[in-house]
Amino acid sequence: MTRAMRRNISETATEFLRRLASGDFDRVREMCNDTATVWHNDGVGEQAIGEKLDQLELLMPTVHALEYDVFRQFQNDDEVLQQQVLRLELADGSCREVHAAMHLRFEGDLIDRIEEYTYVMPRDQEIPLSGGRQL
């Protein structure tokens, strides 16, 4: 596939997050190749993307609202690096804010590898959602 025909991978990275936030795990899986891996600084080490998505899918019933805010994004031919904030409102009424740097590597139009470094903000921080509402 020529570069002109290729999809914009920055848009694909953003769509990946939107699909995660909406709980569309089938579409998220379709956005990754069969051998895709993910590394996260949670101490688990490298995992197959399917295994990581299975874990995230199990957590979704505990989430009332989820919102990603990408505020910095860079790309080259096959990689996207972005900084983002994930805001969570949990079913128990508690709220969390997670700051992250995510590196996505692509093979063609599909995600081949994800590396994510996250920092969970302390619980005593107020978390603004879009529209000015505070969590």
N, C-alpha and C. Protein backbone atom coordinates (compact mmCIF):
# COMPACT_ATOMS: atom_id res chain seq x y z
N MET A 1 0.85 -1.17 0.00
CA MET A 1 0.00 0.00 0.00
C MET A 1 0.90 1.23 0.00
N THR A 2 0.58 2.16 -0.84
CA THR A 2 1.38 3.38 -0.89
C THR A 2 1.04 4.28 0.29
N ARG A 3 1.98 5.16 0.61
CA ARG A 3 1.74 6.11 1.72
C ARG A 3 0.51 6.96 1.48
N ALA A 4 0.24 7.32 0.22
CA ALA A 4 -0.92 8.17 -0.08
C ALA A 4 -2.23 7.44 0.23
N MET A 5 -2.25 6.12 0.05
CA MET A 5 -3.46 5.33 0.29
C MET A 5 -3.61 4.96 1.76
N ARG A 6 -2.55 5.04 2.49
CA ARG A 6 -2.54 4.61 3.87
C ARG A 6 -3.35 5.55 4.76
N ARG A 7 -3.98 5.01 5.73
CA ARG A 7 -4.77 5.77 6.67
C ARG A 7 -3.86 6.60 7.58
N ASN A 8 -4.34 7.72 8.06
CA ASN A 8 -3.58 8.57 8.97
C ASN A 8 -3.47 7.85 10.32
N ILE A 9 -2.27 7.46 10.71
CA ILE A 9 -2.12 6.66 11.94
C ILE A 9 -2.38 7.48 13.20
N SER A 10 -2.21 8.79 13.14
CA SER A 10 -2.57 9.62 14.31
C SER A 10 -4.07 9.54 14.56
N GLU A 11 -4.86 9.58 13.50
CA GLU A 11 -6.30 9.43 13.63
C GLU A 11 -6.66 8.04 14.14
N THR A 12 -5.93 7.04 13.67
CA THR A 12 -6.17 5.66 14.13
C THR A 12 -5.88 5.54 15.62
N ALA A 13 -4.80 6.16 16.09
CA ALA A 13 -4.48 6.12 17.52
C ALA A 13 -5.59 6.77 18.35
N THR A 14 -6.12 7.89 17.87
CA THR A 14 -7.21 8.56 18.58
C THR A 14 -8.48 7.71 18.54
N GLU A 15 -8.76 7.11 17.40
CA GLU A 15 -9.94 6.23 17.29
C GLU A 15 -9.80 5.03 18.23
N PHE A 16 -8.60 4.50 18.36
CA PHE A 16 -8.33 3.39 19.28
C PHE A 16 -8.80 3.75 20.70
N LEU A 17 -8.44 4.95 21.16
CA LEU A 17 -8.84 5.40 22.49
C LEU A 17 -10.35 5.60 22.58
N ARG A 18 -10.95 6.18 21.55
CA ARG A 18 -12.41 6.38 21.55
C ARG A 18 -13.14 5.04 21.65
N ARG A 19 -12.64 4.06 20.92
CA ARG A 19 -13.25 2.72 20.95
C ARG A 19 -13.09 2.07 22.32
N LEU A 20 -11.92 2.24 22.94
CA LEU A 20 -11.73 1.73 24.30
C LEU A 20 -12.72 2.39 25.26
N ALA A 21 -12.84 3.72 25.16
CA ALA A 21 -13.72 4.46 26.06
C ALA A 21 -15.18 4.03 25.91
N SER A 22 -15.58 3.67 24.70
CA SER A 22 -16.97 3.27 24.47
C SER A 22 -17.21 1.80 24.75
N GLY A 23 -16.13 1.05 25.05
CA GLY A 23 -16.27 -0.38 25.34
C GLY A 23 -16.42 -1.24 24.09
N ASP A 24 -16.01 -0.72 22.93
CA ASP A 24 -16.11 -1.45 21.67
C ASP A 24 -14.85 -2.31 21.48
N PHE A 25 -14.71 -3.34 22.30
CA PHE A 25 -13.49 -4.14 22.30
C PHE A 25 -13.33 -4.98 21.04
N ASP A 26 -14.43 -5.35 20.38
CA ASP A 26 -14.30 -6.09 19.12
C ASP A 26 -13.61 -5.22 18.07
N ARG A 27 -14.03 -3.97 17.96
CA ARG A 27 -13.40 -3.06 16.99
C ARG A 27 -11.96 -2.75 17.38
N VAL A 28 -11.68 -2.61 18.67
CA VAL A 28 -10.30 -2.37 19.13
C VAL A 28 -9.41 -3.53 18.69
N ARG A 29 -9.90 -4.77 18.86
CA ARG A 29 -9.12 -5.93 18.45
C ARG A 29 -8.86 -5.92 16.94
N GLU A 30 -9.85 -5.48 16.16
CA GLU A 30 -9.69 -5.41 14.70
C GLU A 30 -8.65 -4.38 14.29
N MET A 31 -8.38 -3.42 15.16
CA MET A 31 -7.40 -2.37 14.84
C MET A 31 -5.96 -2.82 15.08
N CYS A 32 -5.80 -4.03 15.62
CA CYS A 32 -4.47 -4.56 15.96
C CYS A 32 -4.19 -5.80 15.11
N ASN A 33 -2.91 -6.03 14.81
CA ASN A 33 -2.60 -7.26 14.10
C ASN A 33 -2.60 -8.45 15.06
N ASP A 34 -2.55 -9.65 14.54
CA ASP A 34 -2.69 -10.86 15.35
C ASP A 34 -1.56 -11.08 16.35
N THR A 35 -0.41 -10.47 16.11
CA THR A 35 0.74 -10.67 16.99
C THR A 35 1.05 -9.44 17.83
N ALA A 36 0.11 -8.51 17.89
CA ALA A 36 0.33 -7.26 18.62
C ALA A 36 0.61 -7.52 20.10
N THR A 37 1.50 -6.70 20.66
CA THR A 37 1.85 -6.81 22.08
C THR A 37 1.68 -5.45 22.75
N VAL A 38 1.59 -5.50 24.07
CA VAL A 38 1.47 -4.28 24.86
C VAL A 38 2.38 -4.41 26.08
N TRP A 39 3.05 -3.32 26.39
CA TRP A 39 3.84 -3.23 27.62
C TRP A 39 3.30 -2.04 28.39
N HIS A 40 3.11 -2.26 29.67
CA HIS A 40 2.58 -1.21 30.54
C HIS A 40 3.44 -1.18 31.80
N ASN A 41 3.61 -0.02 32.39
CA ASN A 41 4.47 0.09 33.57
C ASN A 41 3.77 -0.38 34.85
N ASP A 42 2.81 -1.29 34.72
CA ASP A 42 2.10 -1.83 35.88
C ASP A 42 2.82 -3.01 36.53
N GLY A 43 3.98 -3.38 35.99
CA GLY A 43 4.75 -4.48 36.56
C GLY A 43 4.41 -5.84 35.99
N VAL A 44 3.42 -5.93 35.13
CA VAL A 44 3.02 -7.22 34.55
C VAL A 44 4.00 -7.65 33.46
N GLY A 45 4.58 -6.69 32.77
CA GLY A 45 5.48 -7.02 31.67
C GLY A 45 4.74 -7.03 30.36
N GLU A 46 5.37 -7.58 29.34
CA GLU A 46 4.78 -7.60 28.00
C GLU A 46 3.67 -8.64 27.93
N GLN A 47 2.57 -8.26 27.27
CA GLN A 47 1.43 -9.15 27.10
C GLN A 47 0.96 -9.10 25.65
N ALA A 48 0.28 -10.14 25.23
CA ALA A 48 -0.43 -10.09 23.96
C ALA A 48 -1.56 -9.06 24.12
N ILE A 49 -1.82 -8.31 23.07
CA ILE A 49 -2.84 -7.26 23.17
C ILE A 49 -4.20 -7.86 23.54
N GLY A 50 -4.51 -9.03 23.03
CA GLY A 50 -5.78 -9.68 23.35
C GLY A 50 -5.94 -9.95 24.84
N GLU A 51 -4.86 -10.37 25.47
CA GLU A 51 -4.87 -10.63 26.91
C GLU A 51 -5.12 -9.34 27.69
N LYS A 52 -4.45 -8.26 27.30
CA LYS A 52 -4.64 -6.97 27.98
C LYS A 52 -6.07 -6.46 27.78
N LEU A 53 -6.59 -6.58 26.57
CA LEU A 53 -7.95 -6.14 26.31
C LEU A 53 -8.98 -6.96 27.09
N ASP A 54 -8.72 -8.26 27.25
CA ASP A 54 -9.62 -9.09 28.07
C ASP A 54 -9.66 -8.56 29.50
N GLN A 55 -8.51 -8.17 30.05
CA GLN A 55 -8.45 -7.62 31.41
C GLN A 55 -9.22 -6.31 31.50
N LEU A 56 -9.04 -5.42 30.52
CA LEU A 56 -9.75 -4.14 30.52
C LEU A 56 -11.25 -4.34 30.37
N GLU A 57 -11.64 -5.28 29.55
CA GLU A 57 -13.07 -5.55 29.33
C GLU A 57 -13.74 -6.01 30.62
N LEU A 58 -13.03 -6.78 31.43
CA LEU A 58 -13.58 -7.24 32.70
C LEU A 58 -13.80 -6.08 33.68
N LEU A 59 -13.01 -5.01 33.54
CA LEU A 59 -13.14 -3.84 34.42
C LEU A 59 -14.29 -2.92 34.03
N MET A 60 -14.77 -3.01 32.80
CA MET A 60 -15.76 -2.05 32.31
C MET A 60 -17.04 -1.98 33.14
N PRO A 61 -17.55 -3.05 33.72
CA PRO A 61 -18.76 -2.92 34.54
C PRO A 61 -18.56 -2.04 35.78
N THR A 62 -17.32 -1.81 36.19
CA THR A 62 -17.05 -0.96 37.35
C THR A 62 -16.91 0.51 36.98
N VAL A 63 -17.01 0.82 35.68
CA VAL A 63 -16.80 2.18 35.18
C VAL A 63 -18.14 2.78 34.75
N HIS A 64 -18.47 3.93 35.35
CA HIS A 64 -19.69 4.65 34.97
C HIS A 64 -19.43 5.57 33.77
N ALA A 65 -18.32 6.27 33.77
CA ALA A 65 -17.96 7.17 32.67
C ALA A 65 -16.46 7.14 32.48
N LEU A 66 -16.04 7.23 31.23
CA LEU A 66 -14.62 7.19 30.89
C LEU A 66 -14.39 8.20 29.77
N GLU A 67 -13.35 9.01 29.92
CA GLU A 67 -13.07 10.07 28.95
C GLU A 67 -11.56 10.19 28.76
N TYR A 68 -11.11 10.17 27.50
CA TYR A 68 -9.70 10.40 27.17
C TYR A 68 -9.54 11.81 26.63
N ASP A 69 -8.47 12.46 27.02
CA ASP A 69 -8.13 13.78 26.48
C ASP A 69 -6.69 13.73 26.00
N VAL A 70 -6.49 13.63 24.69
CA VAL A 70 -5.15 13.63 24.11
C VAL A 70 -4.74 15.09 23.93
N PHE A 71 -3.65 15.49 24.56
CA PHE A 71 -3.25 16.89 24.45
C PHE A 71 -1.93 17.08 23.73
N ARG A 72 -1.25 16.03 23.37
CA ARG A 72 -0.02 16.15 22.59
C ARG A 72 0.13 14.87 21.79
N GLN A 73 0.42 15.00 20.49
CA GLN A 73 0.55 13.81 19.66
C GLN A 73 1.58 14.07 18.56
N PHE A 74 2.49 13.12 18.39
CA PHE A 74 3.54 13.20 17.37
C PHE A 74 3.51 11.91 16.56
N GLN A 75 3.85 11.99 15.29
CA GLN A 75 3.90 10.77 14.48
C GLN A 75 5.05 10.82 13.50
N ASN A 76 5.54 9.63 13.15
CA ASN A 76 6.41 9.50 11.99
C ASN A 76 5.75 8.44 11.10
N ASP A 77 6.48 7.80 10.22
CA ASP A 77 5.86 6.88 9.27
C ASP A 77 5.10 5.73 9.93
N ASP A 78 5.64 5.16 11.00
CA ASP A 78 5.05 3.96 11.58
C ASP A 78 4.79 4.05 13.08
N GLU A 79 4.89 5.22 13.67
CA GLU A 79 4.76 5.35 15.12
C GLU A 79 3.99 6.60 15.50
N VAL A 80 3.26 6.49 16.59
CA VAL A 80 2.58 7.64 17.19
C VAL A 80 2.98 7.67 18.66
N LEU A 81 3.35 8.84 19.13
CA LEU A 81 3.63 9.07 20.54
C LEU A 81 2.65 10.13 21.00
N GLN A 82 1.93 9.84 22.08
CA GLN A 82 0.97 10.83 22.55
C GLN A 82 0.94 10.89 24.06
N GLN A 83 0.58 12.07 24.55
CA GLN A 83 0.33 12.27 25.97
C GLN A 83 -1.16 12.46 26.13
N GLN A 84 -1.71 11.86 27.17
CA GLN A 84 -3.15 11.89 27.36
C GLN A 84 -3.50 11.82 28.83
N VAL A 85 -4.73 12.18 29.11
CA VAL A 85 -5.29 12.05 30.45
C VAL A 85 -6.55 11.21 30.31
N LEU A 86 -6.67 10.23 31.15
CA LEU A 86 -7.86 9.38 31.23
C LEU A 86 -8.60 9.76 32.50
N ARG A 87 -9.85 10.14 32.34
CA ARG A 87 -10.68 10.47 33.50
C ARG A 87 -11.74 9.40 33.67
N LEU A 88 -11.81 8.84 34.86
CA LEU A 88 -12.74 7.76 35.16
C LEU A 88 -13.70 8.15 36.26
N GLU A 89 -14.95 7.88 36.06
CA GLU A 89 -15.93 7.94 37.13
C GLU A 89 -16.39 6.51 37.34
N LEU A 90 -16.12 5.98 38.51
CA LEU A 90 -16.42 4.58 38.78
C LEU A 90 -17.85 4.40 39.27
N ALA A 91 -18.34 3.18 39.17
CA ALA A 91 -19.72 2.89 39.54
C ALA A 91 -20.00 3.21 41.00
N ASP A 92 -18.98 3.17 41.85
CA ASP A 92 -19.17 3.48 43.27
C ASP A 92 -19.16 4.98 43.55
N GLY A 93 -19.06 5.81 42.50
CA GLY A 93 -19.07 7.26 42.65
C GLY A 93 -17.69 7.88 42.78
N SER A 94 -16.66 7.08 42.97
CA SER A 94 -15.31 7.63 43.07
C SER A 94 -14.79 7.98 41.67
N CYS A 95 -13.81 8.85 41.65
CA CYS A 95 -13.24 9.33 40.39
C CYS A 95 -11.73 9.19 40.41
N ARG A 96 -11.18 8.94 39.24
CA ARG A 96 -9.73 8.83 39.09
C ARG A 96 -9.29 9.56 37.85
N GLU A 97 -8.06 10.07 37.90
CA GLU A 97 -7.45 10.69 36.73
C GLU A 97 -6.10 10.02 36.53
N VAL A 98 -5.86 9.55 35.32
CA VAL A 98 -4.64 8.85 34.99
C VAL A 98 -3.93 9.63 33.88
N HIS A 99 -2.70 10.05 34.15
CA HIS A 99 -1.88 10.72 33.14
C HIS A 99 -1.03 9.65 32.46
N ALA A 100 -0.90 9.74 31.13
CA ALA A 100 -0.21 8.68 30.41
C ALA A 100 0.56 9.21 29.21
N ALA A 101 1.63 8.51 28.89
CA ALA A 101 2.34 8.65 27.62
C ALA A 101 2.20 7.29 26.94
N MET A 102 1.76 7.32 25.69
CA MET A 102 1.51 6.08 24.96
C MET A 102 2.26 6.12 23.64
N HIS A 103 2.96 5.03 23.36
CA HIS A 103 3.67 4.88 22.10
C HIS A 103 3.01 3.73 21.35
N LEU A 104 2.55 3.99 20.14
CA LEU A 104 1.92 2.97 19.30
C LEU A 104 2.77 2.77 18.06
N ARG A 105 3.11 1.52 17.77
CA ARG A 105 3.85 1.19 16.55
C ARG A 105 2.89 0.47 15.60
N PHE A 106 2.97 0.81 14.34
CA PHE A 106 2.06 0.27 13.34
C PHE A 106 2.81 -0.58 12.32
N GLU A 107 2.13 -1.60 11.83
CA GLU A 107 2.53 -2.32 10.62
C GLU A 107 1.39 -2.12 9.65
N GLY A 108 1.64 -1.32 8.63
CA GLY A 108 0.54 -0.93 7.74
C GLY A 108 -0.44 -0.08 8.53
N ASP A 109 -1.71 -0.43 8.43
CA ASP A 109 -2.75 0.31 9.14
C ASP A 109 -3.07 -0.26 10.51
N LEU A 110 -2.42 -1.36 10.88
CA LEU A 110 -2.75 -2.04 12.13
C LEU A 110 -1.71 -1.77 13.22
N ILE A 111 -2.18 -1.69 14.45
CA ILE A 111 -1.30 -1.51 15.60
C ILE A 111 -0.55 -2.81 15.86
N ASP A 112 0.75 -2.72 15.99
CA ASP A 112 1.60 -3.89 16.23
C ASP A 112 2.13 -3.94 17.66
N ARG A 113 2.33 -2.78 18.27
CA ARG A 113 2.87 -2.73 19.62
C ARG A 113 2.43 -1.44 20.31
N ILE A 114 2.13 -1.56 21.60
CA ILE A 114 1.79 -0.40 22.42
C ILE A 114 2.67 -0.42 23.66
N GLU A 115 3.24 0.71 23.99
CA GLU A 115 3.93 0.90 25.26
C GLU A 115 3.26 2.06 25.96
N GLU A 116 2.88 1.85 27.22
CA GLU A 116 2.16 2.89 27.94
C GLU A 116 2.75 3.07 29.32
N TYR A 117 3.02 4.32 29.65
CA TYR A 117 3.52 4.72 30.95
C TYR A 117 2.43 5.56 31.60
N THR A 118 1.95 5.15 32.77
CA THR A 118 0.85 5.88 33.41
C THR A 118 1.22 6.30 34.83
N TYR A 119 0.53 7.35 35.25
CA TYR A 119 0.62 7.83 36.62
C TYR A 119 -0.80 8.15 37.08
N VAL A 120 -1.25 7.47 38.13
CA VAL A 120 -2.58 7.72 38.67
C VAL A 120 -2.47 8.86 39.67
N MET A 121 -3.27 9.91 39.44
CA MET A 121 -3.28 11.05 40.35
C MET A 121 -3.85 10.64 41.70
N PRO A 122 -3.38 11.26 42.79
CA PRO A 122 -3.92 10.95 44.12
C PRO A 122 -5.42 11.22 44.16
N ARG A 123 -6.14 10.46 44.95
CA ARG A 123 -7.60 10.54 45.01
C ARG A 123 -8.12 11.88 45.50
N ASP A 124 -7.33 12.66 46.20
CA ASP A 124 -7.84 13.92 46.75
C ASP A 124 -7.83 15.06 45.72
N GLN A 125 -7.44 14.78 44.49
CA GLN A 125 -7.44 15.80 43.44
C GLN A 125 -8.83 15.92 42.83
N GLU A 126 -9.32 17.14 42.60
CA GLU A 126 -10.57 17.32 41.87
C GLU A 126 -10.29 17.07 40.40
N ILE A 127 -11.23 16.43 39.74
CA ILE A 127 -11.05 16.06 38.35
C ILE A 127 -12.11 16.75 37.49
N PRO A 128 -11.71 17.72 36.65
CA PRO A 128 -12.71 18.37 35.80
C PRO A 128 -13.00 17.54 34.56
N LEU A 129 -14.29 17.30 34.28
CA LEU A 129 -14.69 16.70 33.01
C LEU A 129 -15.01 17.82 32.05
N SER A 130 -15.09 17.49 30.77
CA SER A 130 -15.46 18.52 29.81
C SER A 130 -16.82 19.09 30.17
N GLY A 131 -17.03 20.33 29.88
CA GLY A 131 -18.27 20.98 30.24
C GLY A 131 -18.20 21.64 31.60
N GLY A 132 -17.02 21.61 32.24
CA GLY A 132 -16.83 22.30 33.50
C GLY A 132 -17.27 21.55 34.74
N ARG A 133 -17.88 20.37 34.57
CA ARG A 133 -18.32 19.60 35.72
C ARG A 133 -17.13 19.04 36.47
N GLN A 134 -17.18 19.05 37.78
CA GLN A 134 -16.10 18.51 38.61
C GLN A 134 -16.47 17.12 39.09
N LEU A 135 -15.53 16.23 39.07
CA LEU A 135 -15.75 14.90 39.63
C LEU A 135 -15.16 14.85 41.02
